[in-house]
């Protein structure tokens, strides 16, 4: 019997906590499309740790679906942890989710969780968290990550930590594209084979880190939409910079070279689609 069924059987469709707050054990906690993708990529396990748990919606849903036996929710600020505690009471999860105030993975013991979830932050901070406690990071067999910016930094960090990307999604929500990925520990360090071998290996690697090797291999349609839109935007900026460089070449040369490199990387991504 799944944990959700046991809680429904115990509490019924709706009851209250000791302090009178409504408890909705049978009703699934609502999630955004981005967080739904996070939950979808989290496979079953024993203990899941959500770093930067905010309202604790992700661990609650994972427990409701019977994916894990228990969970740990960690956040650097006490405010979100207070909101998380309220949600745990509401959904009848107080005794199955341990809340901790923690800067990144600092308060997680190596081996304590078999799956670590990190979302709701930029790639620079996420990379720092993953690399700061490498023993803790490697002790989890699975990482489910949703960087809100700079995904290339996260993917390259995973490679250096000995993880491979097993699955990825690109979610479009509220006018923005959000990459979500599942990475697993890998003992094999196979030789790198570019997806587009006719291009320089460095550009190909950068493209795969930036856009996602799994998304590129399966020619994900949402990724193609993103690549087309971003390339058109870069070209508009490039034309503007080139016009400005005609009058002040030295002042705009660095920016021009930067955009030219970005266009080369996006072009490598589009080449996978035959564009």
C-alpha atoms as a PDB file:
ATOM      1  CA  UNK A   1       0.000   0.000   0.000  1.00  0.00           C
ATOM      2  CA  UNK A   2       1.371   3.458  -0.879  1.00  0.00           C
ATOM      3  CA  UNK A   3       1.922   6.005   1.881  1.00  0.00           C
ATOM      4  CA  UNK A   4      -0.797   8.252   0.407  1.00  0.00           C
ATOM      5  CA  UNK A   5      -3.336   5.426   0.762  1.00  0.00           C
ATOM      6  CA  UNK A   6      -2.309   4.818   4.366  1.00  0.00           C
ATOM      7  CA  UNK A   7      -2.746   8.496   5.236  1.00  0.00           C
ATOM      8  CA  UNK A   8      -6.124   8.661   3.509  1.00  0.00           C
ATOM      9  CA  UNK A   9      -7.248   5.580   5.413  1.00  0.00           C
ATOM     10  CA  UNK A  10      -6.065   7.066   8.716  1.00  0.00           C
ATOM     11  CA  UNK A  11      -7.311  10.630   8.352  1.00  0.00           C
ATOM     12  CA  UNK A  12     -10.143  10.397   5.831  1.00  0.00           C
ATOM     13  CA  UNK A  13     -10.608  13.034   3.180  1.00  0.00           C
ATOM     14  CA  UNK A  14     -10.176  15.961   5.552  1.00  0.00           C
ATOM     15  CA  UNK A  15      -9.416  16.537   9.233  1.00  0.00           C
ATOM     16  CA  UNK A  16      -7.518  19.072  11.370  1.00  0.00           C
ATOM     17  CA  UNK A  17      -4.199  19.257  13.189  1.00  0.00           C
ATOM     18  CA  UNK A  18      -3.849  19.724  16.931  1.00  0.00           C
ATOM     19  CA  UNK A  19      -3.790  23.521  16.532  1.00  0.00           C
ATOM     20  CA  UNK A  20      -6.941  23.507  14.411  1.00  0.00           C
ATOM     21  CA  UNK A  21      -5.287  23.927  10.982  1.00  0.00           C
ATOM     22  CA  UNK A  22      -6.953  22.027   8.127  1.00  0.00           C
ATOM     23  CA  UNK A  23      -5.172  18.853   7.118  1.00  0.00           C
ATOM     24  CA  UNK A  24      -5.699  17.672   3.549  1.00  0.00           C
ATOM     25  CA  UNK A  25      -3.911  14.353   3.432  1.00  0.00           C
ATOM     26  CA  UNK A  26      -5.690  12.990   0.378  1.00  0.00           C
ATOM     27  CA  UNK A  27      -5.520  16.108  -1.803  1.00  0.00           C
ATOM     28  CA  UNK A  28      -2.343  16.520  -3.810  1.00  0.00           C
ATOM     29  CA  UNK A  29      -0.381  19.684  -3.197  1.00  0.00           C
ATOM     30  CA  UNK A  30      -0.628  21.957  -6.283  1.00  0.00           C
ATOM     31  CA  UNK A  31       2.566  22.554  -8.248  1.00  0.00           C
ATOM     32  CA  UNK A  32       3.683  24.802 -11.084  1.00  0.00           C
ATOM     33  CA  UNK A  33       4.630  23.186 -14.390  1.00  0.00           C
ATOM     34  CA  UNK A  34       8.295  23.571 -13.484  1.00  0.00           C
ATOM     35  CA  UNK A  35       7.899  21.805 -10.144  1.00  0.00           C
ATOM     36  CA  UNK A  36       5.716  19.135 -11.752  1.00  0.00           C
ATOM     37  CA  UNK A  37       8.667  18.403 -14.034  1.00  0.00           C
ATOM     38  CA  UNK A  38      10.963  18.166 -10.993  1.00  0.00           C
ATOM     39  CA  UNK A  39       8.636  15.632  -9.374  1.00  0.00           C
ATOM     40  CA  UNK A  40       8.318  13.656 -12.613  1.00  0.00           C
ATOM     41  CA  UNK A  41      12.095  13.251 -12.846  1.00  0.00           C
ATOM     42  CA  UNK A  42      12.517  12.081  -9.238  1.00  0.00           C
ATOM     43  CA  UNK A  43      12.533   8.301  -9.201  1.00  0.00           C
ATOM     44  CA  UNK A  44      11.571   6.201  -6.193  1.00  0.00           C
ATOM     45  CA  UNK A  45      13.920   5.906  -3.254  1.00  0.00           C
ATOM     46  CA  UNK A  46      14.241   5.840   0.499  1.00  0.00           C
ATOM     47  CA  UNK A  47      14.951   9.450   1.556  1.00  0.00           C
ATOM     48  CA  UNK A  48      14.759  12.590  -0.578  1.00  0.00           C
ATOM     49  CA  UNK A  49      16.376  15.873   0.467  1.00  0.00           C
ATOM     50  CA  UNK A  50      15.006  19.133  -0.979  1.00  0.00           C
ATOM     51  CA  UNK A  51      17.614  21.907  -0.762  1.00  0.00           C
ATOM     52  CA  UNK A  52      16.016  25.358  -0.788  1.00  0.00           C
ATOM     53  CA  UNK A  53      12.687  23.692  -0.020  1.00  0.00           C
ATOM     54  CA  UNK A  54      10.739  26.959   0.330  1.00  0.00           C
ATOM     55  CA  UNK A  55       7.120  25.839   0.977  1.00  0.00           C
ATOM     56  CA  UNK A  56       8.072  22.116   0.948  1.00  0.00           C
ATOM     57  CA  UNK A  57       5.645  21.451  -1.900  1.00  0.00           C
ATOM     58  CA  UNK A  58       8.030  19.106  -3.734  1.00  0.00           C
ATOM     59  CA  UNK A  59       8.765  16.711  -0.841  1.00  0.00           C
ATOM     60  CA  UNK A  60       5.094  16.688   0.140  1.00  0.00           C
ATOM     61  CA  UNK A  61       4.051  15.672  -3.379  1.00  0.00           C
ATOM     62  CA  UNK A  62       6.774  13.033  -3.606  1.00  0.00           C
ATOM     63  CA  UNK A  63       5.599  11.476  -0.357  1.00  0.00           C
ATOM     64  CA  UNK A  64       1.964  11.720  -1.400  1.00  0.00           C
ATOM     65  CA  UNK A  65       2.782   9.722  -4.517  1.00  0.00           C
ATOM     66  CA  UNK A  66       4.586   7.064  -2.495  1.00  0.00           C
ATOM     67  CA  UNK A  67       7.959   7.679  -4.160  1.00  0.00           C
ATOM     68  CA  UNK A  68       9.929   7.946  -0.891  1.00  0.00           C
ATOM     69  CA  UNK A  69       9.643   6.757   2.684  1.00  0.00           C
ATOM     70  CA  UNK A  70      10.631  10.114   4.197  1.00  0.00           C
ATOM     71  CA  UNK A  71      12.087  13.490   3.286  1.00  0.00           C
ATOM     72  CA  UNK A  72      14.361  16.273   4.517  1.00  0.00           C
ATOM     73  CA  UNK A  73      13.563  19.877   3.683  1.00  0.00           C
ATOM     74  CA  UNK A  74      16.357  22.435   4.043  1.00  0.00           C
ATOM     75  CA  UNK A  75      16.464  26.181   3.551  1.00  0.00           C
ATOM     76  CA  UNK A  76      18.953  28.875   4.522  1.00  0.00           C
ATOM     77  CA  UNK A  77      16.242  31.208   5.879  1.00  0.00           C
ATOM     78  CA  UNK A  78      13.824  30.611   8.771  1.00  0.00           C
ATOM     79  CA  UNK A  79      10.892  32.270   6.985  1.00  0.00           C
ATOM     80  CA  UNK A  80      10.454  29.628   4.279  1.00  0.00           C
ATOM     81  CA  UNK A  81      10.920  26.879   6.871  1.00  0.00           C
ATOM     82  CA  UNK A  82       8.030  28.337   8.863  1.00  0.00           C
ATOM     83  CA  UNK A  83       5.812  28.219   5.774  1.00  0.00           C
ATOM     84  CA  UNK A  84       7.013  24.689   5.093  1.00  0.00           C
ATOM     85  CA  UNK A  85       6.083  23.623   8.626  1.00  0.00           C
ATOM     86  CA  UNK A  86       2.569  24.984   8.101  1.00  0.00           C
ATOM     87  CA  UNK A  87       2.192  23.012   4.877  1.00  0.00           C
ATOM     88  CA  UNK A  88       3.431  19.835   6.521  1.00  0.00           C
ATOM     89  CA  UNK A  89       0.682  20.180   9.126  1.00  0.00           C
ATOM     90  CA  UNK A  90      -1.915  20.931   6.491  1.00  0.00           C
ATOM     91  CA  UNK A  91      -1.072  17.831   4.466  1.00  0.00           C
ATOM     92  CA  UNK A  92      -0.386  15.509   7.393  1.00  0.00           C
ATOM     93  CA  UNK A  93       3.339  15.142   6.764  1.00  0.00           C
ATOM     94  CA  UNK A  94       4.829  16.456  10.030  1.00  0.00           C
ATOM     95  CA  UNK A  95       6.292  13.106  11.048  1.00  0.00           C
ATOM     96  CA  UNK A  96       7.700  12.257   7.627  1.00  0.00           C
ATOM     97  CA  UNK A  97       9.573  15.442   6.668  1.00  0.00           C
ATOM     98  CA  UNK A  98      12.430  16.774   8.809  1.00  0.00           C
ATOM     99  CA  UNK A  99      13.035  20.518   8.391  1.00  0.00           C
ATOM    100  CA  UNK A 100      16.514  22.000   8.858  1.00  0.00           C
ATOM    101  CA  UNK A 101      17.997  25.455   8.503  1.00  0.00           C
ATOM    102  CA  UNK A 102      21.008  24.891   6.293  1.00  0.00           C
ATOM    103  CA  UNK A 103      23.244  26.775   3.896  1.00  0.00           C
ATOM    104  CA  UNK A 104      23.206  24.443   0.914  1.00  0.00           C
ATOM    105  CA  UNK A 105      24.142  20.897   1.887  1.00  0.00           C
ATOM    106  CA  UNK A 106      25.914  21.892   5.113  1.00  0.00           C
ATOM    107  CA  UNK A 107      23.419  20.147   7.431  1.00  0.00           C
ATOM    108  CA  UNK A 108      23.075  16.952   5.404  1.00  0.00           C
ATOM    109  CA  UNK A 109      25.116  13.928   6.485  1.00  0.00           C
ATOM    110  CA  UNK A 110      26.792  11.945   3.686  1.00  0.00           C
ATOM    111  CA  UNK A 111      24.584   9.011   2.731  1.00  0.00           C
ATOM    112  CA  UNK A 112      21.551  10.379   4.560  1.00  0.00           C
ATOM    113  CA  UNK A 113      19.559  10.910   1.346  1.00  0.00           C
ATOM    114  CA  UNK A 114      19.633   8.818  -1.808  1.00  0.00           C
ATOM    115  CA  UNK A 115      18.090  11.627  -3.882  1.00  0.00           C
ATOM    116  CA  UNK A 116      18.879  15.355  -3.628  1.00  0.00           C
ATOM    117  CA  UNK A 117      16.575  17.931  -5.208  1.00  0.00           C
ATOM    118  CA  UNK A 118      17.775  21.500  -5.796  1.00  0.00           C
ATOM    119  CA  UNK A 119      15.659  24.072  -7.608  1.00  0.00           C
ATOM    120  CA  UNK A 120      14.554  27.693  -7.394  1.00  0.00           C
ATOM    121  CA  UNK A 121      18.026  29.230  -7.729  1.00  0.00           C
ATOM    122  CA  UNK A 122      20.511  30.267 -10.385  1.00  0.00           C
ATOM    123  CA  UNK A 123      23.152  27.993 -11.832  1.00  0.00           C
ATOM    124  CA  UNK A 124      26.062  29.846 -10.217  1.00  0.00           C
ATOM    125  CA  UNK A 125      24.729  29.245  -6.692  1.00  0.00           C
ATOM    126  CA  UNK A 126      23.662  25.692  -7.532  1.00  0.00           C
ATOM    127  CA  UNK A 127      27.133  24.884  -8.826  1.00  0.00           C
ATOM    128  CA  UNK A 128      28.669  26.320  -5.656  1.00  0.00           C
ATOM    129  CA  UNK A 129      26.406  24.145  -3.485  1.00  0.00           C
ATOM    130  CA  UNK A 130      27.209  20.980  -5.425  1.00  0.00           C
ATOM    131  CA  UNK A 131      30.974  21.551  -5.364  1.00  0.00           C
ATOM    132  CA  UNK A 132      31.275  22.882  -1.797  1.00  0.00           C
ATOM    133  CA  UNK A 133      30.366  19.536  -0.218  1.00  0.00           C
ATOM    134  CA  UNK A 134      31.480  17.009  -2.856  1.00  0.00           C
ATOM    135  CA  UNK A 135      31.353  14.038  -0.467  1.00  0.00           C
ATOM    136  CA  UNK A 136      27.740  14.817   0.395  1.00  0.00           C
ATOM    137  CA  UNK A 137      26.831  15.396  -3.245  1.00  0.00           C
ATOM    138  CA  UNK A 138      28.421  12.128  -4.371  1.00  0.00           C
ATOM    139  CA  UNK A 139      26.790  10.190  -1.530  1.00  0.00           C
ATOM    140  CA  UNK A 140      23.413  10.635  -3.257  1.00  0.00           C
ATOM    141  CA  UNK A 141      22.846   8.289  -6.154  1.00  0.00           C
ATOM    142  CA  UNK A 142      20.514  10.738  -7.893  1.00  0.00           C
ATOM    143  CA  UNK A 143      20.353  14.520  -8.272  1.00  0.00           C
ATOM    144  CA  UNK A 144      17.265  16.299  -9.609  1.00  0.00           C
ATOM    145  CA  UNK A 145      18.127  19.889 -10.487  1.00  0.00           C
ATOM    146  CA  UNK A 146      16.301  22.881 -11.905  1.00  0.00           C
ATOM    147  CA  UNK A 147      18.717  25.788 -12.427  1.00  0.00           C
ATOM    148  CA  UNK A 148      16.918  29.018 -13.306  1.00  0.00           C
ATOM    149  CA  UNK A 149      19.960  30.443 -15.093  1.00  0.00           C
ATOM    150  CA  UNK A 150      23.429  29.372 -16.291  1.00  0.00           C
ATOM    151  CA  UNK A 151      22.597  25.668 -16.717  1.00  0.00           C
ATOM    152  CA  UNK A 152      25.938  25.118 -18.422  1.00  0.00           C
ATOM    153  CA  UNK A 153      27.740  25.737 -15.121  1.00  0.00           C
ATOM    154  CA  UNK A 154      25.629  23.066 -13.450  1.00  0.00           C
ATOM    155  CA  UNK A 155      26.117  20.456 -16.174  1.00  0.00           C
ATOM    156  CA  UNK A 156      29.890  20.962 -16.222  1.00  0.00           C
ATOM    157  CA  UNK A 157      29.977  20.675 -12.406  1.00  0.00           C
ATOM    158  CA  UNK A 158      28.075  17.394 -12.595  1.00  0.00           C
ATOM    159  CA  UNK A 159      30.644  16.036 -15.029  1.00  0.00           C
ATOM    160  CA  UNK A 160      33.499  16.978 -12.704  1.00  0.00           C
ATOM    161  CA  UNK A 161      31.719  15.255  -9.799  1.00  0.00           C
ATOM    162  CA  UNK A 162      31.298  12.009 -11.714  1.00  0.00           C
ATOM    163  CA  UNK A 163      27.617  12.294 -12.578  1.00  0.00           C
ATOM    164  CA  UNK A 164      25.997  11.747 -15.956  1.00  0.00           C
ATOM    165  CA  UNK A 165      22.725  13.293 -17.092  1.00  0.00           C
ATOM    166  CA  UNK A 166      20.117  10.545 -17.474  1.00  0.00           C
ATOM    167  CA  UNK A 167      17.056  12.622 -18.359  1.00  0.00           C
ATOM    168  CA  UNK A 168      16.151  16.231 -19.063  1.00  0.00           C
ATOM    169  CA  UNK A 169      13.112  18.383 -19.735  1.00  0.00           C
ATOM    170  CA  UNK A 170      12.761  21.973 -20.884  1.00  0.00           C
ATOM    171  CA  UNK A 171       9.655  23.636 -19.468  1.00  0.00           C
ATOM    172  CA  UNK A 172       8.178  26.858 -20.810  1.00  0.00           C
ATOM    173  CA  UNK A 173       6.322  28.719 -18.067  1.00  0.00           C
ATOM    174  CA  UNK A 174       5.419  32.367 -17.547  1.00  0.00           C
ATOM    175  CA  UNK A 175       7.395  33.444 -20.604  1.00  0.00           C
ATOM    176  CA  UNK A 176      10.628  31.708 -19.596  1.00  0.00           C
ATOM    177  CA  UNK A 177      12.359  28.407 -20.410  1.00  0.00           C
ATOM    178  CA  UNK A 178      13.362  26.270 -17.411  1.00  0.00           C
ATOM    179  CA  UNK A 179      15.707  23.272 -17.789  1.00  0.00           C
ATOM    180  CA  UNK A 180      15.134  20.379 -15.400  1.00  0.00           C
ATOM    181  CA  UNK A 181      17.433  17.368 -15.246  1.00  0.00           C
ATOM    182  CA  UNK A 182      18.099  14.112 -13.448  1.00  0.00           C
ATOM    183  CA  UNK A 183      21.736  13.110 -12.967  1.00  0.00           C
ATOM    184  CA  UNK A 184      23.041   9.787 -11.658  1.00  0.00           C
ATOM    185  CA  UNK A 185      26.447   8.700 -10.424  1.00  0.00           C
ATOM    186  CA  UNK A 186      28.544   7.187 -13.161  1.00  0.00           C
ATOM    187  CA  UNK A 187      31.699   5.148 -12.726  1.00  0.00           C
ATOM    188  CA  UNK A 188      32.523   5.273 -16.429  1.00  0.00           C
ATOM    189  CA  UNK A 189      34.477   8.201 -17.852  1.00  0.00           C
ATOM    190  CA  UNK A 190      34.014   7.388 -21.531  1.00  0.00           C
ATOM    191  CA  UNK A 191      35.707   9.424 -24.234  1.00  0.00           C
ATOM    192  CA  UNK A 192      33.732  12.476 -25.288  1.00  0.00           C
ATOM    193  CA  UNK A 193      32.086  12.125 -28.701  1.00  0.00           C
ATOM    194  CA  UNK A 194      30.585  15.403 -30.034  1.00  0.00           C
ATOM    195  CA  UNK A 195      27.022  15.319 -31.316  1.00  0.00           C
ATOM    196  CA  UNK A 196      28.193  17.335 -34.319  1.00  0.00           C
ATOM    197  CA  UNK A 197      31.716  16.019 -35.043  1.00  0.00           C
ATOM    198  CA  UNK A 198      32.236  18.389 -37.974  1.00  0.00           C
ATOM    199  CA  UNK A 199      32.412  21.339 -35.538  1.00  0.00           C
ATOM    200  CA  UNK A 200      35.194  22.134 -33.025  1.00  0.00           C
ATOM    201  CA  UNK A 201      34.934  19.869 -29.964  1.00  0.00           C
ATOM    202  CA  UNK A 202      35.122  22.834 -27.584  1.00  0.00           C
ATOM    203  CA  UNK A 203      32.123  24.542 -29.171  1.00  0.00           C
ATOM    204  CA  UNK A 204      30.161  21.270 -29.197  1.00  0.00           C
ATOM    205  CA  UNK A 205      30.894  20.602 -25.522  1.00  0.00           C
ATOM    206  CA  UNK A 206      29.846  24.126 -24.612  1.00  0.00           C
ATOM    207  CA  UNK A 207      26.620  23.712 -26.579  1.00  0.00           C
ATOM    208  CA  UNK A 208      25.817  20.425 -24.851  1.00  0.00           C
ATOM    209  CA  UNK A 209      26.504  21.935 -21.429  1.00  0.00           C
ATOM    210  CA  UNK A 210      24.385  24.966 -22.201  1.00  0.00           C
ATOM    211  CA  UNK A 211      21.430  23.249 -23.908  1.00  0.00           C
ATOM    212  CA  UNK A 212      21.563  19.725 -22.496  1.00  0.00           C
ATOM    213  CA  UNK A 213      22.992  16.596 -24.151  1.00  0.00           C
ATOM    214  CA  UNK A 214      19.807  14.550 -23.669  1.00  0.00           C
ATOM    215  CA  UNK A 215      17.588  17.314 -25.076  1.00  0.00           C
ATOM    216  CA  UNK A 216      19.863  17.667 -28.081  1.00  0.00           C
ATOM    217  CA  UNK A 217      20.099  13.928 -28.752  1.00  0.00           C
ATOM    218  CA  UNK A 218      16.355  13.506 -28.907  1.00  0.00           C
ATOM    219  CA  UNK A 219      15.931  16.807 -30.767  1.00  0.00           C
ATOM    220  CA  UNK A 220      13.517  18.146 -28.192  1.00  0.00           C
ATOM    221  CA  UNK A 221      10.943  20.449 -29.853  1.00  0.00           C
ATOM    222  CA  UNK A 222      10.812  22.892 -26.932  1.00  0.00           C
ATOM    223  CA  UNK A 223      14.594  23.260 -27.085  1.00  0.00           C
ATOM    224  CA  UNK A 224      14.404  23.937 -30.831  1.00  0.00           C
ATOM    225  CA  UNK A 225      11.851  26.672 -30.163  1.00  0.00           C
ATOM    226  CA  UNK A 226      14.210  28.197 -27.578  1.00  0.00           C
ATOM    227  CA  UNK A 227      17.243  27.987 -29.894  1.00  0.00           C
ATOM    228  CA  UNK A 228      15.408  29.689 -32.763  1.00  0.00           C
ATOM    229  CA  UNK A 229      14.107  32.497 -30.538  1.00  0.00           C
ATOM    230  CA  UNK A 230      17.427  33.087 -28.782  1.00  0.00           C
ATOM    231  CA  UNK A 231      19.422  33.027 -32.016  1.00  0.00           C
ATOM    232  CA  UNK A 232      17.123  35.646 -33.571  1.00  0.00           C
ATOM    233  CA  UNK A 233      17.533  37.804 -30.455  1.00  0.00           C
ATOM    234  CA  UNK A 234      21.328  37.473 -30.529  1.00  0.00           C
ATOM    235  CA  UNK A 235      21.412  38.452 -34.199  1.00  0.00           C
ATOM    236  CA  UNK A 236      19.426  41.607 -33.486  1.00  0.00           C
ATOM    237  CA  UNK A 237      21.827  42.555 -30.699  1.00  0.00           C
ATOM    238  CA  UNK A 238      24.792  41.734 -32.922  1.00  0.00           C
ATOM    239  CA  UNK A 239      23.605  44.051 -35.686  1.00  0.00           C
ATOM    240  CA  UNK A 240      23.158  46.833 -33.134  1.00  0.00           C
ATOM    241  CA  UNK A 241      26.659  46.320 -31.732  1.00  0.00           C
ATOM    242  CA  UNK A 242      28.153  46.250 -35.222  1.00  0.00           C
ATOM    243  CA  UNK A 243      26.552  49.590 -36.028  1.00  0.00           C
ATOM    244  CA  UNK A 244      27.924  51.081 -32.814  1.00  0.00           C
ATOM    245  CA  UNK A 245      31.357  49.599 -33.555  1.00  0.00           C
ATOM    246  CA  UNK A 246      31.554  51.499 -36.826  1.00  0.00           C
ATOM    247  CA  UNK A 247      31.985  54.721 -34.847  1.00  0.00           C
ATOM    248  CA  UNK A 248      33.803  53.328 -31.784  1.00  0.00           C
ATOM    249  CA  UNK A 249      35.395  50.000 -32.758  1.00  0.00           C
ATOM    250  CA  UNK A 250      37.605  49.662 -29.691  1.00  0.00           C
ATOM    251  CA  UNK A 251      34.746  50.337 -27.270  1.00  0.00           C
ATOM    252  CA  UNK A 252      32.610  47.550 -28.743  1.00  0.00           C
ATOM    253  CA  UNK A 253      35.134  44.974 -29.919  1.00  0.00           C
ATOM    254  CA  UNK A 254      34.913  42.799 -26.789  1.00  0.00           C
ATOM    255  CA  UNK A 255      31.116  42.757 -26.837  1.00  0.00           C
ATOM    256  CA  UNK A 256      31.139  41.968 -30.556  1.00  0.00           C
ATOM    257  CA  UNK A 257      33.484  39.003 -30.038  1.00  0.00           C
ATOM    258  CA  UNK A 258      31.349  37.755 -27.152  1.00  0.00           C
ATOM    259  CA  UNK A 259      28.183  37.731 -29.265  1.00  0.00           C
ATOM    260  CA  UNK A 260      29.993  36.089 -32.181  1.00  0.00           C
ATOM    261  CA  UNK A 261      31.041  33.266 -29.858  1.00  0.00           C
ATOM    262  CA  UNK A 262      27.505  32.899 -28.495  1.00  0.00           C
ATOM    263  CA  UNK A 263      26.141  32.712 -32.043  1.00  0.00           C
ATOM    264  CA  UNK A 264      28.652  29.959 -32.837  1.00  0.00           C
ATOM    265  CA  UNK A 265      27.470  27.945 -29.831  1.00  0.00           C
ATOM    266  CA  UNK A 266      23.787  28.405 -30.703  1.00  0.00           C
ATOM    267  CA  UNK A 267      24.574  27.505 -34.292  1.00  0.00           C
ATOM    268  CA  UNK A 268      26.108  24.246 -33.055  1.00  0.00           C
ATOM    269  CA  UNK A 269      22.876  23.494 -31.215  1.00  0.00           C
ATOM    270  CA  UNK A 270      20.786  24.189 -34.315  1.00  0.00           C
ATOM    271  CA  UNK A 271      23.059  21.985 -36.452  1.00  0.00           C
ATOM    272  CA  UNK A 272      21.820  18.994 -34.429  1.00  0.00           C
ATOM    273  CA  UNK A 273      18.343  19.725 -35.826  1.00  0.00           C
ATOM    274  CA  UNK A 274      19.694  20.085 -39.351  1.00  0.00           C
ATOM    275  CA  UNK A 275      19.270  23.880 -39.263  1.00  0.00           C
END
